[in-house]
Amino acid sequence: MFINTINILLRKIKWFPAFFMVWIVQTGNVHGQACCSGGVPISNMIGVRPAEIHHLTIRGTYDGNYLNSFFTGSDKLNENIVSRYSQTVFIQGIYGITERLSINALMNWVHHKRTVTSAYSDGSSTKVSGFGDAILLGQYKLIKFNEASIYLTGGIKIPTGKSDVKDENGILMAADLQPGTGSWDMIAGAGFVKSHFIRPGMSFTSTFISKLNTYSERYNGQQNYKYGNDFQFLLGITDSFFMKSMLLNPGLLVRFWHTTPDKIEDSLFPNTGGTWIYLAPSVNFQFTDMISIFGSTEIPVYQKLTGSQLSTTIRFALGFQLNISTSKNKLLIPEMKDF
């Protein structure tokens, strides 16, 4: 059965690369997420709805984030001295333990490349690669009614990524180039999902996510650094259409994102933090009940940064999703009853 599924996928995917490259080019001349924090914005990956009971969802995502725009407040400056390209590969697993309770785990690998261009050179690059921080969450469906549900999310970010990477001269790299943050952080949120929204096949989602950060040590314990707290509010609509024997799911997400400034000890660190609002179009191709692939990009409609910061010029994501149903006698973990 699995081989047949793969053969169906290969037959249907042959035209996908050309279609998706056209879609990326059409949406590519935009600005995406701005970021001057360490590691990668893993909180963006949290807003996935809980899995159904006895279902395992595995998601793999490539995230490309090219930062080549410089802003002071909401004003874009004509400076191209520094640029950065961050590539991240996410692996995420969501498993439905009961009708209401799911667990969600996320790991990632990141590669940062920063290029500095001056009047005396074409640009010198600094590269850093490594595993980033991991996330472990629990998601609980609090209420279910009329094709709708409200769920709660809570968990931690685990500092599995290095935050003390040094250059060839033994000097500690800047925080925004480190694969991890070095801190244990708390995550909390809530979400609302409504199926059959406006018409059958359309769904509406609303999600709030917060990440409250703690201090981490830098420079061999001589400095306590705290990344700004992260707050996001998302509103999204997804529709469904059949294209031959394949299900097409276009979507549009509005994302409000606010981060507070970083801190060194009790003092605010300059040029960190800000507020952004994005429009994020996406598309999902579901080939079978088991396999789908997806892509997305982000378009800023409002941004107000604290001080002067490097901001994203283009950002996109490509990925796949596997949905695996497990019978009671083949559960990955013991069966549990709702509480």
Protein backbone atom coordinates (compact mmCIF):
# COMPACT_ATOMS: atom_id res chain seq x y z
CA MET A 1 0.00 0.00 0.00
CA PHE A 2 2.82 2.37 0.86
CA ILE A 3 4.55 1.69 -2.50
CA ASN A 4 1.29 2.41 -4.34
CA THR A 5 0.97 5.67 -2.43
CA ILE A 6 4.50 6.69 -3.42
CA ASN A 7 3.82 5.86 -7.10
CA ILE A 8 0.66 7.98 -7.05
CA LEU A 9 2.63 10.84 -5.48
CA LEU A 10 5.39 10.66 -8.11
CA ARG A 11 2.90 10.71 -10.98
CA LYS A 12 1.09 13.74 -9.58
CA ILE A 13 4.14 15.69 -8.44
CA LYS A 14 5.91 15.83 -11.82
CA TRP A 15 4.37 19.18 -12.72
CA PHE A 16 4.59 20.67 -9.22
CA PRO A 17 8.15 22.17 -9.28
CA ALA A 18 7.41 24.37 -12.31
CA PHE A 19 4.07 25.53 -10.88
CA PHE A 20 5.53 26.35 -7.50
CA MET A 21 8.58 28.18 -8.88
CA VAL A 22 6.21 30.46 -10.82
CA TRP A 23 4.24 31.06 -7.61
CA ILE A 24 7.42 31.89 -5.67
CA VAL A 25 8.64 34.31 -8.34
CA GLN A 26 5.29 36.09 -8.35
CA THR A 27 5.40 36.58 -4.57
CA GLY A 28 9.14 36.93 -4.20
CA ASN A 29 9.56 40.69 -4.45
CA VAL A 30 8.37 41.27 -0.91
CA HIS A 31 9.75 41.71 2.57
CA GLY A 32 9.31 39.04 5.21
CA GLN A 33 10.00 38.62 8.87
CA ALA A 34 12.45 40.97 10.53
CA CYS A 35 14.58 39.47 13.25
CA CYS A 36 17.57 40.47 15.35
CA SER A 37 17.42 37.69 17.92
CA GLY A 38 19.53 34.60 18.38
CA GLY A 39 18.70 31.23 16.91
CA VAL A 40 15.69 30.90 14.62
CA PRO A 41 12.03 31.97 15.01
CA ILE A 42 10.83 28.52 16.07
CA SER A 43 7.66 29.92 17.67
CA ASN A 44 6.35 30.36 14.10
CA MET A 45 6.09 26.56 13.89
CA ILE A 46 3.94 26.13 17.00
CA GLY A 47 0.57 27.13 15.54
CA VAL A 48 -0.30 23.65 14.24
CA ARG A 49 -3.68 22.28 15.31
CA PRO A 50 -3.74 19.15 17.53
CA ALA A 51 -3.70 15.71 15.95
CA GLU A 52 -6.71 13.38 15.93
CA ILE A 53 -6.72 10.43 18.33
CA HIS A 54 -4.29 7.65 17.38
CA HIS A 55 -2.90 9.74 14.50
CA LEU A 56 0.74 10.68 14.08
CA THR A 57 1.57 13.73 11.96
CA ILE A 58 5.17 14.22 10.79
CA ARG A 59 6.12 17.52 9.17
CA GLY A 60 9.39 18.44 7.50
CA THR A 61 9.93 22.10 6.58
CA TYR A 62 12.68 24.06 4.86
CA ASP A 63 12.65 27.74 5.81
CA GLY A 64 14.70 30.27 3.84
CA ASN A 65 15.06 33.75 5.34
CA TYR A 66 17.08 36.38 3.43
CA LEU A 67 17.69 39.62 5.35
CA ASN A 68 18.97 42.48 3.21
CA SER A 69 16.79 45.45 4.26
CA PHE A 70 17.70 47.94 6.97
CA PHE A 71 15.02 49.80 8.95
CA THR A 72 14.93 52.50 11.59
CA GLY A 73 11.50 52.41 13.19
CA SER A 74 9.19 52.03 10.20
CA ASP A 75 11.55 53.79 7.74
CA LYS A 76 13.60 51.79 5.28
CA LEU A 77 17.17 53.03 4.85
CA ASN A 78 19.22 52.85 1.64
CA GLU A 79 21.99 50.76 3.19
CA ASN A 80 23.21 47.37 2.03
CA ILE A 81 26.32 46.97 4.18
CA VAL A 82 25.18 43.87 6.04
CA SER A 83 23.05 40.97 4.82
CA ARG A 84 22.18 37.60 6.31
CA TYR A 85 20.74 34.39 4.94
CA SER A 86 19.36 31.86 7.39
CA GLN A 87 18.34 28.38 6.30
CA THR A 88 16.49 26.13 8.72
CA VAL A 89 15.25 22.55 8.45
CA PHE A 90 12.45 21.72 10.89
CA ILE A 91 11.27 18.23 11.87
CA GLN A 92 8.02 18.18 13.81
CA GLY A 93 5.87 15.38 15.20
CA ILE A 94 2.32 15.63 16.59
CA TYR A 95 0.56 12.63 18.12
CA GLY A 96 -3.03 12.36 19.35
CA ILE A 97 -3.03 10.42 22.62
CA THR A 98 -6.76 10.80 23.26
CA GLU A 99 -9.70 12.62 21.68
CA ARG A 100 -8.54 15.79 23.43
CA LEU A 101 -4.84 15.47 24.27
CA SER A 102 -1.93 15.71 21.81
CA ILE A 103 1.82 16.02 22.19
CA ASN A 104 3.95 18.13 19.86
CA ALA A 105 7.75 17.95 19.48
CA LEU A 106 9.95 20.10 17.24
CA MET A 107 13.65 19.97 16.38
CA ASN A 108 15.65 21.97 13.84
CA TRP A 109 19.00 22.46 12.17
CA VAL A 110 20.09 25.96 11.17
CA HIS A 111 22.73 27.53 8.93
CA HIS A 112 23.45 31.28 9.21
CA LYS A 113 25.54 33.24 6.73
CA ARG A 114 26.28 36.92 7.33
CA THR A 115 28.01 39.06 4.69
CA VAL A 116 29.56 42.47 5.37
CA THR A 117 30.26 44.66 2.33
CA SER A 118 32.44 47.76 2.47
CA ALA A 119 34.09 50.20 0.06
CA TYR A 120 37.32 48.22 0.37
CA SER A 121 35.99 44.69 -0.35
CA ASP A 122 33.24 42.83 -2.15
CA GLY A 123 32.11 41.25 1.10
CA SER A 124 33.44 38.96 3.80
CA SER A 125 31.15 36.18 5.03
CA THR A 126 30.73 34.51 8.40
CA LYS A 127 28.99 31.13 8.56
CA VAL A 128 27.56 29.25 11.53
CA SER A 129 25.73 25.91 11.44
CA GLY A 130 24.31 23.58 14.05
CA PHE A 131 21.27 22.15 15.77
CA GLY A 132 18.87 24.75 17.14
CA ASP A 133 16.67 24.71 20.21
CA ALA A 134 13.91 22.11 20.59
CA ILE A 135 10.28 22.51 21.63
CA LEU A 136 8.06 20.11 23.58
CA LEU A 137 4.36 20.92 23.91
CA GLY A 138 1.08 19.54 25.12
CA GLN A 139 -2.16 20.52 23.36
CA TYR A 140 -5.58 19.98 24.92
CA LYS A 141 -8.95 20.38 23.20
CA LEU A 142 -10.95 22.23 25.82
CA ILE A 143 -14.31 22.55 24.05
CA LYS A 144 -15.83 20.95 20.93
CA PHE A 145 -19.10 22.24 19.45
CA ASN A 146 -20.76 22.73 16.02
CA GLU A 147 -17.73 21.71 13.93
CA ALA A 148 -15.55 23.96 16.10
CA SER A 149 -13.04 23.45 18.89
CA ILE A 150 -11.01 25.50 21.34
CA TYR A 151 -7.65 24.15 22.45
CA LEU A 152 -4.92 25.16 24.89
CA THR A 153 -1.17 24.84 24.32
CA GLY A 154 1.63 24.77 26.88
CA GLY A 155 5.22 23.62 26.99
CA ILE A 156 8.89 24.53 27.03
CA LYS A 157 11.72 25.45 24.70
CA ILE A 158 14.77 23.36 25.48
CA PRO A 159 18.27 24.89 24.87
CA THR A 160 19.62 22.06 22.71
CA GLY A 161 21.34 24.47 20.32
CA LYS A 162 24.77 25.95 20.95
CA SER A 163 24.84 29.57 22.09
CA ASP A 164 28.61 29.90 22.60
CA VAL A 165 29.98 29.43 19.07
CA LYS A 166 33.23 31.37 18.50
CA ASP A 167 35.00 32.53 15.36
CA GLU A 168 38.45 31.44 14.21
CA ASN A 169 40.00 34.03 16.55
CA GLY A 170 38.23 32.65 19.60
CA ILE A 171 35.79 35.57 19.84
CA LEU A 172 32.18 34.82 20.75
CA MET A 173 29.88 35.20 17.76
CA ALA A 174 27.00 37.70 17.82
CA ALA A 175 23.75 36.50 19.37
CA ASP A 176 21.83 36.63 16.08
CA LEU A 177 24.29 34.14 14.54
CA GLN A 178 24.10 31.55 17.30
CA PRO A 179 22.10 28.38 16.48
CA GLY A 180 20.46 28.45 19.94
CA THR A 181 19.65 30.84 22.76
CA GLY A 182 20.99 28.96 25.79
CA SER A 183 17.80 29.56 27.78
CA TRP A 184 14.87 27.46 29.01
CA ASP A 185 11.73 29.30 27.91
CA MET A 186 8.03 28.87 28.65
CA ILE A 187 5.40 28.63 25.90
CA ALA A 188 1.66 29.13 26.32
CA GLY A 189 -1.18 29.70 23.90
CA ALA A 190 -4.72 28.98 22.81
CA GLY A 191 -6.47 28.34 19.52
CA PHE A 192 -9.88 28.21 17.89
CA VAL A 193 -10.68 26.07 14.83
CA LYS A 194 -13.97 26.22 12.90
CA SER A 195 -14.67 23.76 10.07
CA HIS A 196 -17.37 24.34 7.43
CA PHE A 197 -16.74 28.08 7.75
CA ILE A 198 -18.95 30.01 5.28
CA ARG A 199 -19.13 26.90 3.12
CA PRO A 200 -18.17 23.19 3.35
CA GLY A 201 -14.45 22.68 2.82
CA MET A 202 -13.47 26.06 4.27
CA SER A 203 -11.99 26.40 7.75
CA PHE A 204 -11.15 29.34 10.01
CA THR A 205 -8.40 29.39 12.64
CA SER A 206 -7.41 31.84 15.35
CA THR A 207 -4.31 31.27 17.44
CA PHE A 208 -2.48 33.11 20.22
CA ILE A 209 1.08 32.10 21.10
CA SER A 210 3.42 33.54 23.73
CA LYS A 211 7.02 32.63 24.54
CA LEU A 212 8.35 33.95 27.83
CA ASN A 213 12.13 33.81 27.91
CA THR A 214 14.59 33.43 30.76
CA TYR A 215 18.21 34.57 31.13
CA SER A 216 21.15 32.67 29.67
CA GLU A 217 24.84 33.01 30.45
CA ARG A 218 27.32 34.44 27.96
CA TYR A 219 31.06 35.09 28.07
CA ASN A 220 31.70 32.20 30.51
CA GLY A 221 29.06 33.38 32.93
CA GLN A 222 30.22 37.00 33.03
CA GLN A 223 27.05 38.26 31.35
CA ASN A 224 23.37 37.35 31.73
CA TYR A 225 21.45 37.83 28.50
CA LYS A 226 17.70 37.59 27.98
CA TYR A 227 16.01 37.53 24.59
CA GLY A 228 12.79 39.53 24.30
CA ASN A 229 9.46 37.87 25.02
CA ASP A 230 7.53 36.81 21.94
CA PHE A 231 3.79 37.31 21.36
CA GLN A 232 1.89 36.27 18.23
CA PHE A 233 -1.74 36.39 17.18
CA LEU A 234 -2.81 34.62 13.98
CA LEU A 235 -6.03 34.62 11.95
CA GLY A 236 -6.30 32.26 9.00
CA ILE A 237 -8.70 30.90 6.38
CA THR A 238 -8.13 27.71 4.40
CA ASP A 239 -10.28 26.44 1.54
CA SER A 240 -10.44 23.10 -0.28
CA PHE A 241 -10.80 22.30 -3.99
CA PHE A 242 -10.44 19.09 -5.94
CA MET A 243 -7.97 19.16 -8.83
CA LYS A 244 -8.47 15.88 -10.66
CA SER A 245 -7.90 13.32 -7.88
CA MET A 246 -5.83 15.68 -5.72
CA LEU A 247 -7.04 18.04 -2.98
CA LEU A 248 -5.81 21.64 -3.23
CA ASN A 249 -5.83 23.79 -0.06
CA PRO A 250 -5.04 27.49 -0.60
CA GLY A 251 -4.84 29.59 2.53
CA LEU A 252 -4.28 33.10 3.79
CA LEU A 253 -2.95 33.96 7.24
CA VAL A 254 -2.71 37.32 9.03
CA ARG A 255 0.04 37.27 11.65
CA PHE A 256 0.55 39.91 14.32
CA TRP A 257 3.95 39.58 15.98
CA HIS A 258 5.41 41.59 18.84
CA THR A 259 8.72 41.09 20.65
CA THR A 260 9.97 43.05 23.62
CA PRO A 261 13.60 44.31 23.62
CA ASP A 262 16.39 41.98 24.72
CA LYS A 263 18.10 42.57 28.04
CA ILE A 264 21.66 42.44 29.37
CA GLU A 265 21.31 42.02 33.13
CA ASP A 266 18.52 44.55 33.88
CA SER A 267 19.32 46.95 31.03
CA LEU A 268 17.53 46.98 27.67
CA PHE A 269 19.70 45.97 24.73
CA PRO A 270 19.36 48.56 21.90
CA ASN A 271 18.05 47.80 18.42
CA THR A 272 16.00 44.75 19.43
CA GLY A 273 12.26 44.18 19.58
CA GLY A 274 9.40 45.56 17.53
CA THR A 275 5.95 44.99 16.08
CA TRP A 276 5.06 43.44 12.72
CA ILE A 277 1.91 42.48 10.83
CA TYR A 278 2.15 40.05 7.91
CA LEU A 279 -0.06 38.56 5.22
CA ALA A 280 1.03 34.99 4.58
CA PRO A 281 -0.42 33.20 1.52
CA SER A 282 0.08 29.44 1.42
CA VAL A 283 -0.86 26.39 -0.62
CA ASN A 284 -1.11 22.71 0.29
CA PHE A 285 -1.30 19.82 -2.18
CA GLN A 286 -2.83 16.69 -0.65
CA PHE A 287 -2.10 13.70 -2.88
CA THR A 288 -3.51 11.03 -0.57
CA ASP A 289 -4.86 10.84 2.97
CA MET A 290 -1.28 10.15 3.98
CA ILE A 291 0.94 12.51 1.98
CA SER A 292 0.85 16.24 1.23
CA ILE A 293 3.32 18.99 0.38
CA PHE A 294 3.02 22.70 1.10
CA GLY A 295 4.59 26.08 0.56
CA SER A 296 4.17 29.60 1.96
CA THR A 297 5.64 33.09 1.95
CA GLU A 298 5.17 36.25 4.04
CA ILE A 299 4.32 39.82 3.02
CA PRO A 300 4.63 42.61 5.63
CA VAL A 301 1.85 45.20 5.74
CA TYR A 302 3.05 46.98 8.89
CA GLN A 303 6.30 47.07 10.84
CA LYS A 304 7.67 49.27 13.59
CA LEU A 305 11.10 48.27 14.84
CA THR A 306 12.87 49.43 17.97
CA GLY A 307 15.91 51.42 16.86
CA SER A 308 17.74 50.29 13.71
CA GLN A 309 17.55 46.65 12.63
CA LEU A 310 18.24 44.35 9.73
CA SER A 311 14.99 43.09 8.22
CA THR A 312 13.97 40.29 5.89
CA THR A 313 13.82 40.95 2.15
CA ILE A 314 12.25 37.61 1.22
CA ARG A 315 11.20 34.57 3.20
CA PHE A 316 9.58 31.32 2.08
CA ALA A 317 8.96 27.80 3.32
CA LEU A 318 8.58 24.43 1.57
CA GLY A 319 7.66 21.19 3.26
CA PHE A 320 5.88 17.87 3.41
CA GLN A 321 3.44 16.26 5.81
CA LEU A 322 2.78 12.59 6.56
CA ASN A 323 -0.40 11.51 8.34
CA ILE A 324 -0.20 8.04 9.86
CA SER A 325 -3.13 6.34 11.54
CA THR A 326 -2.25 3.84 14.28
CA SER A 327 -4.61 1.11 15.43
CA LYS A 328 -5.06 0.36 19.12
CA ASN A 329 -2.86 -2.70 18.92
CA LYS A 330 -0.09 -0.74 17.23
CA LEU A 331 -0.01 2.41 19.35
CA LEU A 332 3.33 4.09 19.75
CA ILE A 333 2.43 4.78 23.39
CA PRO A 334 -0.14 3.15 25.72
CA GLU A 335 -3.78 4.10 25.20
CA MET A 336 -5.11 6.71 27.63
CA LYS A 337 -8.57 7.96 28.45
CA ASP A 338 -9.59 11.62 28.37
CA PHE A 339 -9.51 13.50 31.64
